Amino acid sequence: MGNNRIFKILLAVACFLAAGLNAYRVYKGEHDTVDIILGVLFLLAGFMYVYRIRKGI
């Protein structure tokens, strides 16, 4: 796929959106341990894509 910047931006937005939805479930009290783990993993994946976009990898 090469250096497809738009695709990486969309993936970063999707990861942050999923992390936000998991954080909302935790905030409302309707959560499980898996929701917390997935929220952290989506947040890390979003930061990874932002890093890759900034570095041009």
PDB file of N, CA and C in Angstrom:
ATOM      1  N   MET A   1       0.816  -1.184   0.000  1.00  0.00           N
ATOM      2  CA  MET A   1       0.000   0.000   0.000  1.00  0.00           C
ATOM      3  C   MET A   1       0.866   1.256   0.000  1.00  0.00           C
ATOM      4  N   GLY A   2       2.068   1.144   0.471  1.00  0.00           N
ATOM      5  CA  GLY A   2       2.961   2.293   0.421  1.00  0.00           C
ATOM      6  C   GLY A   2       2.671   3.316   1.501  1.00  0.00           C
ATOM      7  N   ASN A   3       2.990   4.550   1.198  1.00  0.00           N
ATOM      8  CA  ASN A   3       2.826   5.632   2.156  1.00  0.00           C
ATOM      9  C   ASN A   3       1.480   6.320   1.923  1.00  0.00           C
ATOM     10  N   ASN A   4       0.392   5.660   2.313  1.00  0.00           N
ATOM     11  CA  ASN A   4      -0.945   6.201   2.103  1.00  0.00           C
ATOM     12  C   ASN A   4      -1.371   6.986   3.336  1.00  0.00           C
ATOM     13  N   ARG A   5      -1.162   8.280   3.298  1.00  0.00           N
ATOM     14  CA  ARG A   5      -1.385   9.156   4.450  1.00  0.00           C
ATOM     15  C   ARG A   5      -2.863   9.235   4.855  1.00  0.00           C
ATOM     16  N   ILE A   6      -3.756   9.276   3.882  1.00  0.00           N
ATOM     17  CA  ILE A   6      -5.195   9.382   4.183  1.00  0.00           C
ATOM     18  C   ILE A   6      -5.666   8.148   4.945  1.00  0.00           C
ATOM     19  N   PHE A   7      -5.211   6.977   4.515  1.00  0.00           N
ATOM     20  CA  PHE A   7      -5.594   5.731   5.173  1.00  0.00           C
ATOM     21  C   PHE A   7      -5.119   5.712   6.625  1.00  0.00           C
ATOM     22  N   LYS A   8      -3.905   6.179   6.866  1.00  0.00           N
ATOM     23  CA  LYS A   8      -3.378   6.229   8.232  1.00  0.00           C
ATOM     24  C   LYS A   8      -4.154   7.212   9.100  1.00  0.00           C
ATOM     25  N   ILE A   9      -4.555   8.334   8.522  1.00  0.00           N
ATOM     26  CA  ILE A   9      -5.345   9.308   9.269  1.00  0.00           C
ATOM     27  C   ILE A   9      -6.696   8.714   9.645  1.00  0.00           C
ATOM     28  N   LEU A  10      -7.339   8.018   8.705  1.00  0.00           N
ATOM     29  CA  LEU A  10      -8.624   7.385   8.991  1.00  0.00           C
ATOM     30  C   LEU A  10      -8.492   6.306  10.070  1.00  0.00           C
ATOM     31  N   LEU A  11      -7.418   5.535  10.022  1.00  0.00           N
ATOM     32  CA  LEU A  11      -7.200   4.524  11.057  1.00  0.00           C
ATOM     33  C   LEU A  11      -6.972   5.159  12.424  1.00  0.00           C
ATOM     34  N   ALA A  12      -6.241   6.256  12.470  1.00  0.00           N
ATOM     35  CA  ALA A  12      -6.005   6.939  13.739  1.00  0.00           C
ATOM     36  C   ALA A  12      -7.313   7.487  14.308  1.00  0.00           C
ATOM     37  N   VAL A  13      -8.144   8.079  13.458  1.00  0.00           N
ATOM     38  CA  VAL A  13      -9.427   8.600  13.918  1.00  0.00           C
ATOM     39  C   VAL A  13     -10.315   7.467  14.416  1.00  0.00           C
ATOM     40  N   ALA A  14     -10.332   6.350  13.699  1.00  0.00           N
ATOM     41  CA  ALA A  14     -11.146   5.203  14.107  1.00  0.00           C
ATOM     42  C   ALA A  14     -10.668   4.640  15.449  1.00  0.00           C
ATOM     43  N   CYS A  15      -9.361   4.586  15.644  1.00  0.00           N
ATOM     44  CA  CYS A  15      -8.829   4.081  16.917  1.00  0.00           C
ATOM     45  C   CYS A  15      -9.202   5.004  18.072  1.00  0.00           C
ATOM     46  N   PHE A  16      -9.073   6.314  17.863  1.00  0.00           N
ATOM     47  CA  PHE A  16      -9.430   7.252  18.926  1.00  0.00           C
ATOM     48  C   PHE A  16     -10.930   7.234  19.202  1.00  0.00           C
ATOM     49  N   LEU A  17     -11.728   7.043  18.162  1.00  0.00           N
ATOM     50  CA  LEU A  17     -13.176   6.954  18.338  1.00  0.00           C
ATOM     51  C   LEU A  17     -13.537   5.700  19.150  1.00  0.00           C
ATOM     52  N   ALA A  18     -12.928   4.577  18.830  1.00  0.00           N
ATOM     53  CA  ALA A  18     -13.188   3.345  19.573  1.00  0.00           C
ATOM     54  C   ALA A  18     -12.725   3.469  21.022  1.00  0.00           C
ATOM     55  N   ALA A  19     -11.588   4.114  21.245  1.00  0.00           N
ATOM     56  CA  ALA A  19     -11.108   4.321  22.615  1.00  0.00           C
ATOM     57  C   ALA A  19     -12.055   5.244  23.375  1.00  0.00           C
ATOM     58  N   GLY A  20     -12.585   6.257  22.696  1.00  0.00           N
ATOM     59  CA  GLY A  20     -13.539   7.154  23.331  1.00  0.00           C
ATOM     60  C   GLY A  20     -14.837   6.449  23.700  1.00  0.00           C
ATOM     61  N   LEU A  21     -15.316   5.561  22.833  1.00  0.00           N
ATOM     62  CA  LEU A  21     -16.523   4.806  23.139  1.00  0.00           C
ATOM     63  C   LEU A  21     -16.310   3.869  24.324  1.00  0.00           C
ATOM     64  N   ASN A  22     -15.143   3.256  24.382  1.00  0.00           N
ATOM     65  CA  ASN A  22     -14.834   2.401  25.534  1.00  0.00           C
ATOM     66  C   ASN A  22     -14.711   3.225  26.811  1.00  0.00           C
ATOM     67  N   ALA A  23     -14.136   4.411  26.713  1.00  0.00           N
ATOM     68  CA  ALA A  23     -14.025   5.281  27.885  1.00  0.00           C
ATOM     69  C   ALA A  23     -15.405   5.726  28.355  1.00  0.00           C
ATOM     70  N   TYR A  24     -16.313   5.953  27.421  1.00  0.00           N
ATOM     71  CA  TYR A  24     -17.680   6.335  27.780  1.00  0.00           C
ATOM     72  C   TYR A  24     -18.393   5.197  28.512  1.00  0.00           C
ATOM     73  N   ARG A  25     -18.173   3.972  28.054  1.00  0.00           N
ATOM     74  CA  ARG A  25     -18.772   2.810  28.751  1.00  0.00           C
ATOM     75  C   ARG A  25     -18.212   2.672  30.154  1.00  0.00           C
ATOM     76  N   VAL A  26     -16.930   2.909  30.314  1.00  0.00           N
ATOM     77  CA  VAL A  26     -16.320   2.839  31.649  1.00  0.00           C
ATOM     78  C   VAL A  26     -16.879   3.952  32.528  1.00  0.00           C
ATOM     79  N   TYR A  27     -17.042   5.143  31.967  1.00  0.00           N
ATOM     80  CA  TYR A  27     -17.577   6.285  32.714  1.00  0.00           C
ATOM     81  C   TYR A  27     -19.009   6.023  33.188  1.00  0.00           C
ATOM     82  N   LYS A  28     -19.813   5.394  32.336  1.00  0.00           N
ATOM     83  CA  LYS A  28     -21.198   5.116  32.692  1.00  0.00           C
ATOM     84  C   LYS A  28     -21.328   3.962  33.679  1.00  0.00           C
ATOM     85  N   GLY A  29     -20.292   3.173  33.855  1.00  0.00           N
ATOM     86  CA  GLY A  29     -20.327   2.069  34.795  1.00  0.00           C
ATOM     87  C   GLY A  29     -20.747   0.747  34.178  1.00  0.00           C
ATOM     88  N   GLU A  30     -20.946   0.712  32.875  1.00  0.00           N
ATOM     89  CA  GLU A  30     -21.347  -0.514  32.184  1.00  0.00           C
ATOM     90  C   GLU A  30     -20.124  -1.169  31.540  1.00  0.00           C
ATOM     91  N   HIS A  31     -19.122  -1.459  32.320  1.00  0.00           N
ATOM     92  CA  HIS A  31     -17.881  -1.931  31.724  1.00  0.00           C
ATOM     93  C   HIS A  31     -17.457  -3.270  32.311  1.00  0.00           C
ATOM     94  N   ASP A  32     -16.546  -3.863  31.616  1.00  0.00           N
ATOM     95  CA  ASP A  32     -15.901  -5.095  32.027  1.00  0.00           C
ATOM     96  C   ASP A  32     -14.390  -4.848  31.909  1.00  0.00           C
ATOM     97  N   THR A  33     -13.607  -5.763  32.396  1.00  0.00           N
ATOM     98  CA  THR A  33     -12.152  -5.612  32.306  1.00  0.00           C
ATOM     99  C   THR A  33     -11.704  -5.542  30.854  1.00  0.00           C
ATOM    100  N   VAL A  34     -12.381  -6.264  29.987  1.00  0.00           N
ATOM    101  CA  VAL A  34     -12.027  -6.266  28.567  1.00  0.00           C
ATOM    102  C   VAL A  34     -12.218  -4.876  27.963  1.00  0.00           C
ATOM    103  N   ASP A  35     -13.244  -4.138  28.396  1.00  0.00           N
ATOM    104  CA  ASP A  35     -13.459  -2.786  27.876  1.00  0.00           C
ATOM    105  C   ASP A  35     -12.308  -1.855  28.238  1.00  0.00           C
ATOM    106  N   ILE A  36     -11.786  -1.994  29.425  1.00  0.00           N
ATOM    107  CA  ILE A  36     -10.657  -1.160  29.843  1.00  0.00           C
ATOM    108  C   ILE A  36      -9.413  -1.509  29.035  1.00  0.00           C
ATOM    109  N   ILE A  37      -9.169  -2.806  28.854  1.00  0.00           N
ATOM    110  CA  ILE A  37      -7.997  -3.246  28.089  1.00  0.00           C
ATOM    111  C   ILE A  37      -8.116  -2.798  26.636  1.00  0.00           C
ATOM    112  N   LEU A  38      -9.293  -2.974  26.038  1.00  0.00           N
ATOM    113  CA  LEU A  38      -9.475  -2.549  24.653  1.00  0.00           C
ATOM    114  C   LEU A  38      -9.346  -1.036  24.498  1.00  0.00           C
ATOM    115  N   GLY A  39      -9.839  -0.283  25.478  1.00  0.00           N
ATOM    116  CA  GLY A  39      -9.698   1.164  25.419  1.00  0.00           C
ATOM    117  C   GLY A  39      -8.243   1.590  25.403  1.00  0.00           C
ATOM    118  N   VAL A  40      -7.444   0.972  26.249  1.00  0.00           N
ATOM    119  CA  VAL A  40      -6.011   1.291  26.296  1.00  0.00           C
ATOM    120  C   VAL A  40      -5.327   0.867  25.002  1.00  0.00           C
ATOM    121  N   LEU A  41      -5.686  -0.307  24.478  1.00  0.00           N
ATOM    122  CA  LEU A  41      -5.062  -0.773  23.235  1.00  0.00           C
ATOM    123  C   LEU A  41      -5.433   0.111  22.046  1.00  0.00           C
ATOM    124  N   PHE A  42      -6.692   0.533  21.958  1.00  0.00           N
ATOM    125  CA  PHE A  42      -7.088   1.439  20.886  1.00  0.00           C
ATOM    126  C   PHE A  42      -6.385   2.785  21.024  1.00  0.00           C
ATOM    127  N   LEU A  43      -6.223   3.260  22.242  1.00  0.00           N
ATOM    128  CA  LEU A  43      -5.524   4.523  22.459  1.00  0.00           C
ATOM    129  C   LEU A  43      -4.059   4.414  22.020  1.00  0.00           C
ATOM    130  N   LEU A  44      -3.418   3.316  22.364  1.00  0.00           N
ATOM    131  CA  LEU A  44      -2.029   3.113  21.940  1.00  0.00           C
ATOM    132  C   LEU A  44      -1.916   2.980  20.425  1.00  0.00           C
ATOM    133  N   ALA A  45      -2.873   2.288  19.813  1.00  0.00           N
ATOM    134  CA  ALA A  45      -2.848   2.154  18.354  1.00  0.00           C
ATOM    135  C   ALA A  45      -3.044   3.512  17.689  1.00  0.00           C
ATOM    136  N   GLY A  46      -3.927   4.343  18.240  1.00  0.00           N
ATOM    137  CA  GLY A  46      -4.127   5.681  17.690  1.00  0.00           C
ATOM    138  C   GLY A  46      -2.871   6.526  17.779  1.00  0.00           C
ATOM    139  N   PHE A  47      -2.187   6.461  18.918  1.00  0.00           N
ATOM    140  CA  PHE A  47      -0.932   7.201  19.054  1.00  0.00           C
ATOM    141  C   PHE A  47       0.138   6.664  18.109  1.00  0.00           C
ATOM    142  N   MET A  48       0.127   5.344  17.880  1.00  0.00           N
ATOM    143  CA  MET A  48       1.092   4.760  16.953  1.00  0.00           C
ATOM    144  C   MET A  48       0.864   5.302  15.542  1.00  0.00           C
ATOM    145  N   TYR A  49      -0.392   5.387  15.113  1.00  0.00           N
ATOM    146  CA  TYR A  49      -0.677   5.910  13.775  1.00  0.00           C
ATOM    147  C   TYR A  49      -0.337   7.386  13.674  1.00  0.00           C
ATOM    148  N   VAL A  50      -0.594   8.152  14.714  1.00  0.00           N
ATOM    149  CA  VAL A  50      -0.216   9.571  14.691  1.00  0.00           C
ATOM    150  C   VAL A  50       1.302   9.705  14.592  1.00  0.00           C
ATOM    151  N   TYR A  51       2.026   8.871  15.323  1.00  0.00           N
ATOM    152  CA  TYR A  51       3.485   8.877  15.238  1.00  0.00           C
ATOM    153  C   TYR A  51       3.961   8.531  13.825  1.00  0.00           C
ATOM    154  N   ARG A  52       3.333   7.511  13.234  1.00  0.00           N
ATOM    155  CA  ARG A  52       3.713   7.104  11.888  1.00  0.00           C
ATOM    156  C   ARG A  52       3.405   8.193  10.853  1.00  0.00           C
ATOM    157  N   ILE A  53       2.316   8.920  11.070  1.00  0.00           N
ATOM    158  CA  ILE A  53       1.976  10.009  10.162  1.00  0.00           C
ATOM    159  C   ILE A  53       2.999  11.137  10.291  1.00  0.00           C
ATOM    160  N   ARG A  54       3.356  11.479  11.528  1.00  0.00           N
ATOM    161  CA  ARG A  54       4.294  12.593  11.749  1.00  0.00           C
ATOM    162  C   ARG A  54       5.698  12.272  11.243  1.00  0.00           C
ATOM    163  N   LYS A  55       6.122  11.016  11.396  1.00  0.00           N
ATOM    164  CA  LYS A  55       7.470  10.631  10.964  1.00  0.00           C
ATOM    165  C   LYS A  55       7.546  10.278   9.481  1.00  0.00           C
ATOM    166  N   GLY A  56       6.393  10.082   8.856  1.00  0.00           N
ATOM    167  CA  GLY A  56       6.387   9.754   7.432  1.00  0.00           C
ATOM    168  C   GLY A  56       6.748   8.316   7.137  1.00  0.00           C
ATOM    169  N   ILE A  57       6.501   7.443   8.084  1.00  0.00           N
ATOM    170  CA  ILE A  57       6.834   6.011   7.904  1.00  0.00           C
ATOM    171  C   ILE A  57       5.749   5.351   7.080  1.00  0.00           C
TER     172      ILE A  57
END
